[in-house]
Amino acid sequence: MTTAPETETEPPDAVRRERTFSWDDPAAIARAGAGMSGAEFFAAIGDGTIPPPPLMRALDFDGISFGEGRAVFRLTPREFHYNPLGTVHGGVFATLLDSACGCAVHTTLPAGVFYTSLDLSVKFLRPVTVETGPITAEGTVVHLGRRTALAEARITDAAGKVYVTATSSCLLLRPEQPATPRS
């Protein structure tokens, strides 16, 4: 019979790592943006009139710019983003790319029209660590239809090297319109 080797515990002088963050009421953020177009909503987030969504604070990433069919986020990798292998966890990338794709679509929508992600396909090309430095996720709309939209995004470093790519389909949710009588 074999037994697993005993594992060492952390020495008493090991540095404890902690992180604290705060966020604003997500329901209030949604209410504040309810009557705005996507472009108006992101302009309000950009100028600080509306706070960023809680997820951005939880993962510590920033919205850099938003334009018609485009959204850009930046994240500086930290240890708290790491997986057990010592690199940034793929879920962090998926979240950044889903945000970039979805928000790019959202920038094109009029007031009262919303979206939800239908799918997200992510391709991991190379690992990211703290040493990589800041990374940018840029999403753009490829196609905007009446019921669905397609967006793509990529994560790059400061030199433009691509680390991760994604495509996403979004379902557009339009308010119910009354049926018109047929003649």
Protein backbone atom coordinates (compact mmCIF):
# COMPACT_ATOMS: atom_id res chain seq x y z
CA MET A 1 0.00 0.00 0.00
CA THR A 2 1.28 3.43 -0.89
CA THR A 3 0.42 6.59 0.89
CA ALA A 4 0.57 10.15 -0.26
CA PRO A 5 3.56 12.08 1.02
CA GLU A 6 2.87 14.45 3.83
CA THR A 7 2.38 18.00 2.72
CA GLU A 8 4.06 20.89 4.41
CA THR A 9 1.95 23.61 5.93
CA GLU A 10 2.70 27.27 5.40
CA PRO A 11 5.33 28.60 7.76
CA PRO A 12 4.04 30.92 10.49
CA ASP A 13 5.82 33.90 8.90
CA ALA A 14 4.08 33.47 5.50
CA VAL A 15 2.43 36.60 4.14
CA ARG A 16 -1.35 36.44 4.17
CA ARG A 17 -2.89 37.85 1.02
CA GLU A 18 -6.23 39.61 1.29
CA ARG A 19 -8.43 41.69 -0.96
CA THR A 20 -11.42 43.88 -0.15
CA PHE A 21 -13.67 45.67 -2.60
CA SER A 22 -17.02 47.41 -2.68
CA TRP A 23 -19.74 47.79 -5.30
CA ASP A 24 -22.91 49.70 -6.01
CA ASP A 25 -26.46 48.34 -6.03
CA PRO A 26 -26.88 46.46 -9.34
CA ALA A 27 -30.64 47.03 -9.36
CA ALA A 28 -30.06 50.79 -9.12
CA ILE A 29 -27.56 50.60 -12.00
CA ALA A 30 -30.13 48.75 -14.14
CA ARG A 31 -32.85 51.27 -13.25
CA ALA A 32 -30.56 54.19 -14.09
CA GLY A 33 -29.88 52.79 -17.55
CA ALA A 34 -33.40 51.55 -18.32
CA GLY A 35 -34.50 54.50 -20.44
CA MET A 36 -31.16 54.98 -22.20
CA SER A 37 -29.77 53.68 -25.44
CA GLY A 38 -26.69 51.49 -25.11
CA ALA A 39 -24.48 54.36 -26.26
CA GLU A 40 -26.00 56.70 -23.64
CA PHE A 41 -25.66 54.05 -20.92
CA PHE A 42 -21.94 53.51 -21.54
CA ALA A 43 -21.32 57.25 -21.82
CA ALA A 44 -22.91 57.61 -18.36
CA ILE A 45 -20.67 54.85 -16.97
CA GLY A 46 -17.67 56.51 -18.62
CA ASP A 47 -18.36 59.91 -17.08
CA GLY A 48 -19.18 58.44 -13.65
CA THR A 49 -22.89 59.32 -13.68
CA ILE A 50 -23.68 55.60 -13.44
CA PRO A 51 -21.28 53.34 -11.51
CA PRO A 52 -19.76 50.27 -13.16
CA PRO A 53 -21.44 46.91 -12.62
CA PRO A 54 -20.31 44.88 -9.58
CA LEU A 55 -18.50 42.29 -11.69
CA MET A 56 -15.98 44.86 -12.88
CA ARG A 57 -15.07 45.65 -9.28
CA ALA A 58 -14.99 41.98 -8.27
CA LEU A 59 -12.47 41.07 -10.97
CA ASP A 60 -10.77 44.50 -10.91
CA PHE A 61 -11.08 45.48 -14.56
CA ASP A 62 -11.94 48.80 -16.14
CA GLY A 63 -14.03 49.96 -19.08
CA ILE A 64 -11.62 51.94 -21.24
CA SER A 65 -13.75 53.01 -24.18
CA PHE A 66 -17.12 52.40 -25.75
CA GLY A 67 -18.23 53.38 -29.24
CA GLU A 68 -20.74 52.31 -31.86
CA GLY A 69 -20.32 48.51 -32.00
CA ARG A 70 -17.12 48.52 -29.92
CA ALA A 71 -16.18 48.00 -26.26
CA VAL A 72 -12.71 47.92 -24.68
CA PHE A 73 -11.77 46.71 -21.18
CA ARG A 74 -8.39 46.58 -19.43
CA LEU A 75 -7.20 44.26 -16.70
CA THR A 76 -3.86 44.14 -14.94
CA PRO A 77 -3.27 40.49 -13.95
CA ARG A 78 -2.94 39.92 -10.21
CA GLU A 79 -2.36 36.83 -8.10
CA PHE A 80 -6.05 36.66 -7.16
CA HIS A 81 -6.81 35.97 -10.85
CA TYR A 82 -4.61 32.84 -10.81
CA ASN A 83 -5.59 29.21 -11.22
CA PRO A 84 -3.70 26.40 -9.40
CA LEU A 85 -1.09 26.32 -12.20
CA GLY A 86 0.09 29.89 -11.52
CA THR A 87 -1.48 31.59 -14.53
CA VAL A 88 -4.61 33.71 -14.98
CA HIS A 89 -7.69 31.47 -14.86
CA GLY A 90 -9.53 30.93 -18.15
CA GLY A 91 -12.77 32.03 -16.50
CA VAL A 92 -11.31 35.52 -16.06
CA PHE A 93 -10.61 35.65 -19.79
CA ALA A 94 -14.08 34.31 -20.61
CA THR A 95 -15.64 36.99 -18.41
CA LEU A 96 -13.59 39.77 -20.03
CA LEU A 97 -14.40 38.55 -23.53
CA ASP A 98 -18.09 38.01 -22.79
CA SER A 99 -18.20 41.57 -21.42
CA ALA A 100 -16.39 42.98 -24.48
CA CYS A 101 -18.66 41.14 -26.94
CA GLY A 102 -21.90 41.84 -25.08
CA CYS A 103 -21.15 45.49 -24.39
CA ALA A 104 -20.11 46.03 -28.03
CA VAL A 105 -23.56 44.76 -29.01
CA HIS A 106 -25.22 46.83 -26.27
CA THR A 107 -23.66 50.06 -27.65
CA THR A 108 -25.72 49.59 -30.83
CA LEU A 109 -29.11 49.11 -29.16
CA PRO A 110 -31.82 51.76 -28.78
CA ALA A 111 -33.50 52.43 -25.44
CA GLY A 112 -35.75 49.58 -24.36
CA VAL A 113 -33.90 46.89 -26.33
CA PHE A 114 -31.69 44.54 -24.35
CA TYR A 115 -29.55 41.47 -25.07
CA THR A 116 -28.39 38.26 -23.50
CA SER A 117 -25.51 36.04 -24.55
CA LEU A 118 -26.55 32.89 -26.38
CA ASP A 119 -23.06 31.41 -26.56
CA LEU A 120 -19.40 32.20 -26.13
CA SER A 121 -16.60 30.33 -27.88
CA VAL A 122 -13.18 31.02 -26.40
CA LYS A 123 -9.77 30.05 -27.80
CA PHE A 124 -6.85 30.19 -25.36
CA LEU A 125 -3.60 30.81 -27.25
CA ARG A 126 -1.02 31.46 -24.53
CA PRO A 127 -0.87 31.89 -20.74
CA VAL A 128 -1.01 35.22 -18.94
CA THR A 129 0.78 35.94 -15.65
CA VAL A 130 1.45 39.01 -13.53
CA GLU A 131 4.62 39.49 -15.59
CA THR A 132 2.55 39.89 -18.78
CA GLY A 133 1.42 43.31 -17.60
CA PRO A 134 -1.88 44.97 -18.49
CA ILE A 135 -4.06 43.20 -21.04
CA THR A 136 -6.84 44.66 -23.14
CA ALA A 137 -10.05 42.96 -24.27
CA GLU A 138 -11.57 44.61 -27.34
CA GLY A 139 -14.94 43.54 -28.68
CA THR A 140 -16.56 44.50 -31.97
CA VAL A 141 -19.90 43.75 -33.58
CA VAL A 142 -19.62 41.60 -36.70
CA HIS A 143 -23.35 41.40 -37.49
CA LEU A 144 -26.42 43.07 -36.00
CA GLY A 145 -29.75 41.61 -37.01
CA ARG A 146 -33.27 42.07 -35.74
CA ARG A 147 -33.19 39.05 -33.39
CA THR A 148 -29.52 38.19 -32.98
CA ALA A 149 -26.09 39.77 -33.08
CA LEU A 150 -22.62 38.32 -33.55
CA ALA A 151 -19.55 39.86 -31.92
CA GLU A 152 -15.89 38.93 -31.66
CA ALA A 153 -13.21 39.93 -29.18
CA ARG A 154 -9.55 39.41 -28.47
CA ILE A 155 -7.25 39.90 -25.54
CA THR A 156 -3.87 41.48 -26.30
CA ASP A 157 -0.91 42.77 -24.32
CA ALA A 158 0.65 46.23 -24.65
CA ALA A 159 2.71 45.07 -27.67
CA GLY A 160 -0.40 43.78 -29.47
CA LYS A 161 0.36 40.07 -28.94
CA VAL A 162 -2.89 38.05 -28.96
CA TYR A 163 -3.50 35.78 -25.95
CA VAL A 164 -7.16 34.79 -26.21
CA THR A 165 -9.95 35.19 -28.79
CA ALA A 166 -13.71 34.70 -28.66
CA THR A 167 -16.91 34.92 -30.64
CA SER A 168 -20.33 35.39 -29.12
CA SER A 169 -23.91 35.28 -30.35
CA CYS A 170 -26.41 37.48 -28.53
CA LEU A 171 -30.19 37.31 -28.49
CA LEU A 172 -31.81 40.73 -28.83
CA LEU A 173 -34.79 41.26 -26.55
CA ARG A 174 -37.23 43.81 -27.93
CA PRO A 175 -40.34 45.02 -26.12
CA GLU A 176 -43.54 43.39 -27.25
CA GLN A 177 -45.26 45.42 -29.93
CA PRO A 178 -49.01 45.24 -30.43
CA ALA A 179 -50.11 43.16 -33.39
CA THR A 180 -51.23 45.14 -36.37
CA PRO A 181 -54.47 44.12 -38.06
CA ARG A 182 -54.07 42.50 -41.46
CA SER A 183 -56.22 43.63 -44.33
